[in-house]
C-alpha atoms as a PDB file:
ATOM      1  CA  MET A   1      10.216 -10.428   6.849  1.00  0.00           C
ATOM      2  CA  PHE A   2       7.013  -8.448   7.865  1.00  0.00           C
ATOM      3  CA  ALA A   3       5.387  -8.486  11.294  1.00  0.00           C
ATOM      4  CA  ARG A   4       2.314 -10.438  11.283  1.00  0.00           C
ATOM      5  CA  GLU A   5       0.338  -7.555  12.768  1.00  0.00           C
ATOM      6  CA  GLY A   6       1.102  -5.266   9.640  1.00  0.00           C
ATOM      7  CA  TYR A   7      -0.393  -7.564   6.978  1.00  0.00           C
ATOM      8  CA  PRO A   8      -3.812  -6.233   7.571  1.00  0.00           C
ATOM      9  CA  PHE A   9      -2.697  -2.523   6.837  1.00  0.00           C
ATOM     10  CA  LEU A  10      -0.445  -3.509   4.113  1.00  0.00           C
ATOM     11  CA  LEU A  11      -2.772  -5.592   2.210  1.00  0.00           C
ATOM     12  CA  GLY A  12      -5.774  -3.103   2.857  1.00  0.00           C
ATOM     13  CA  VAL A  13      -3.680  -0.118   1.464  1.00  0.00           C
ATOM     14  CA  ALA A  14      -2.317  -2.033  -1.450  1.00  0.00           C
ATOM     15  CA  VAL A  15      -5.926  -3.217  -2.354  1.00  0.00           C
ATOM     16  CA  LEU A  16      -7.292   0.271  -2.245  1.00  0.00           C
ATOM     17  CA  ALA A  17      -4.489   1.532  -4.436  1.00  0.00           C
ATOM     18  CA  ALA A  18      -4.998  -1.117  -6.973  1.00  0.00           C
ATOM     19  CA  LEU A  19      -8.785  -0.052  -7.054  1.00  0.00           C
ATOM     20  CA  THR A  20      -7.786   3.525  -7.324  1.00  0.00           C
ATOM     21  CA  PHE A  21      -5.730   2.744 -10.314  1.00  0.00           C
ATOM     22  CA  ALA A  22      -8.366   0.880 -11.928  1.00  0.00           C
ATOM     23  CA  ALA A  23     -10.691   3.661 -11.378  1.00  0.00           C
ATOM     24  CA  ALA A  24      -8.216   5.822 -13.001  1.00  0.00           C
ATOM     25  CA  LEU A  25      -8.066   3.733 -15.969  1.00  0.00           C
ATOM     26  CA  ARG A  26     -11.636   3.546 -16.278  1.00  0.00           C
ATOM     27  CA  LEU A  27     -12.367   7.337 -15.892  1.00  0.00           C
ATOM     28  CA  ARG A  28      -9.371   8.680 -17.351  1.00  0.00           C
ATOM     29  CA  SER A  29      -8.874  11.162 -14.600  1.00  0.00           C
ATOM     30  CA  TRP A  30      -5.690  12.594 -13.386  1.00  0.00           C
ATOM     31  CA  PRO A  31      -6.915  13.026  -9.841  1.00  0.00           C
ATOM     32  CA  TRP A  32      -7.392   9.276  -9.669  1.00  0.00           C
ATOM     33  CA  TRP A  33      -4.027   8.918 -10.888  1.00  0.00           C
ATOM     34  CA  LEU A  34      -2.671  11.158  -8.354  1.00  0.00           C
ATOM     35  CA  ALA A  35      -4.827   9.402  -5.574  1.00  0.00           C
ATOM     36  CA  GLY A  36      -3.259   5.975  -6.579  1.00  0.00           C
ATOM     37  CA  TYR A  37       0.336   7.359  -6.593  1.00  0.00           C
ATOM     38  CA  VAL A  38      -0.329   8.578  -3.060  1.00  0.00           C
ATOM     39  CA  LEU A  39      -1.869   5.618  -1.867  1.00  0.00           C
ATOM     40  CA  THR A  40       0.922   3.497  -3.395  1.00  0.00           C
ATOM     41  CA  LEU A  41       3.439   5.620  -1.269  1.00  0.00           C
ATOM     42  CA  VAL A  42       1.265   4.969   1.789  1.00  0.00           C
ATOM     43  CA  ALA A  43       1.530   1.154   1.151  1.00  0.00           C
ATOM     44  CA  LEU A  44       5.236   1.504   0.920  1.00  0.00           C
ATOM     45  CA  VAL A  45       5.377   3.397   4.412  1.00  0.00           C
ATOM     46  CA  ALA A  46       3.124   0.731   5.711  1.00  0.00           C
ATOM     47  CA  ALA A  47       5.623  -2.089   4.502  1.00  0.00           C
ATOM     48  CA  TRP A  48       8.445  -0.019   5.912  1.00  0.00           C
ATOM     49  CA  ALA A  49       6.697   0.305   9.349  1.00  0.00           C
ATOM     50  CA  SER A  50       5.769  -3.191   9.390  1.00  0.00           C
ATOM     51  CA  ARG A  51       9.085  -4.920   8.681  1.00  0.00           C
ATOM     52  CA  THR A  52      10.752  -7.033  11.147  1.00  0.00           C
ATOM     53  CA  PRO A  53      14.207  -6.041  12.122  1.00  0.00           C
ATOM     54  CA  VAL A  54      17.054  -8.210  11.392  1.00  0.00           C
ATOM     55  CA  GLY A  55      18.259 -10.601  14.262  1.00  0.00           C
ATOM     56  CA  ILE A  56      15.112 -10.576  15.764  1.00  0.00           C
ATOM     57  CA  PRO A  57      13.331 -13.793  15.806  1.00  0.00           C
ATOM     58  CA  THR A  58       9.531 -13.818  14.983  1.00  0.00           C
END
């Protein structure tokens, strides 16, 4: 489903987004929430960019 080369980027941004959300919960600060949402969008873009097209064997 995803290209193997994209896993480090995808996992890295997803972990960074999760840590940002954890900091937002702890600090109760809206800039941290905003950063978490932006990093979630970056993770979704990384997932979309590293997808393997249908019909192409891996």
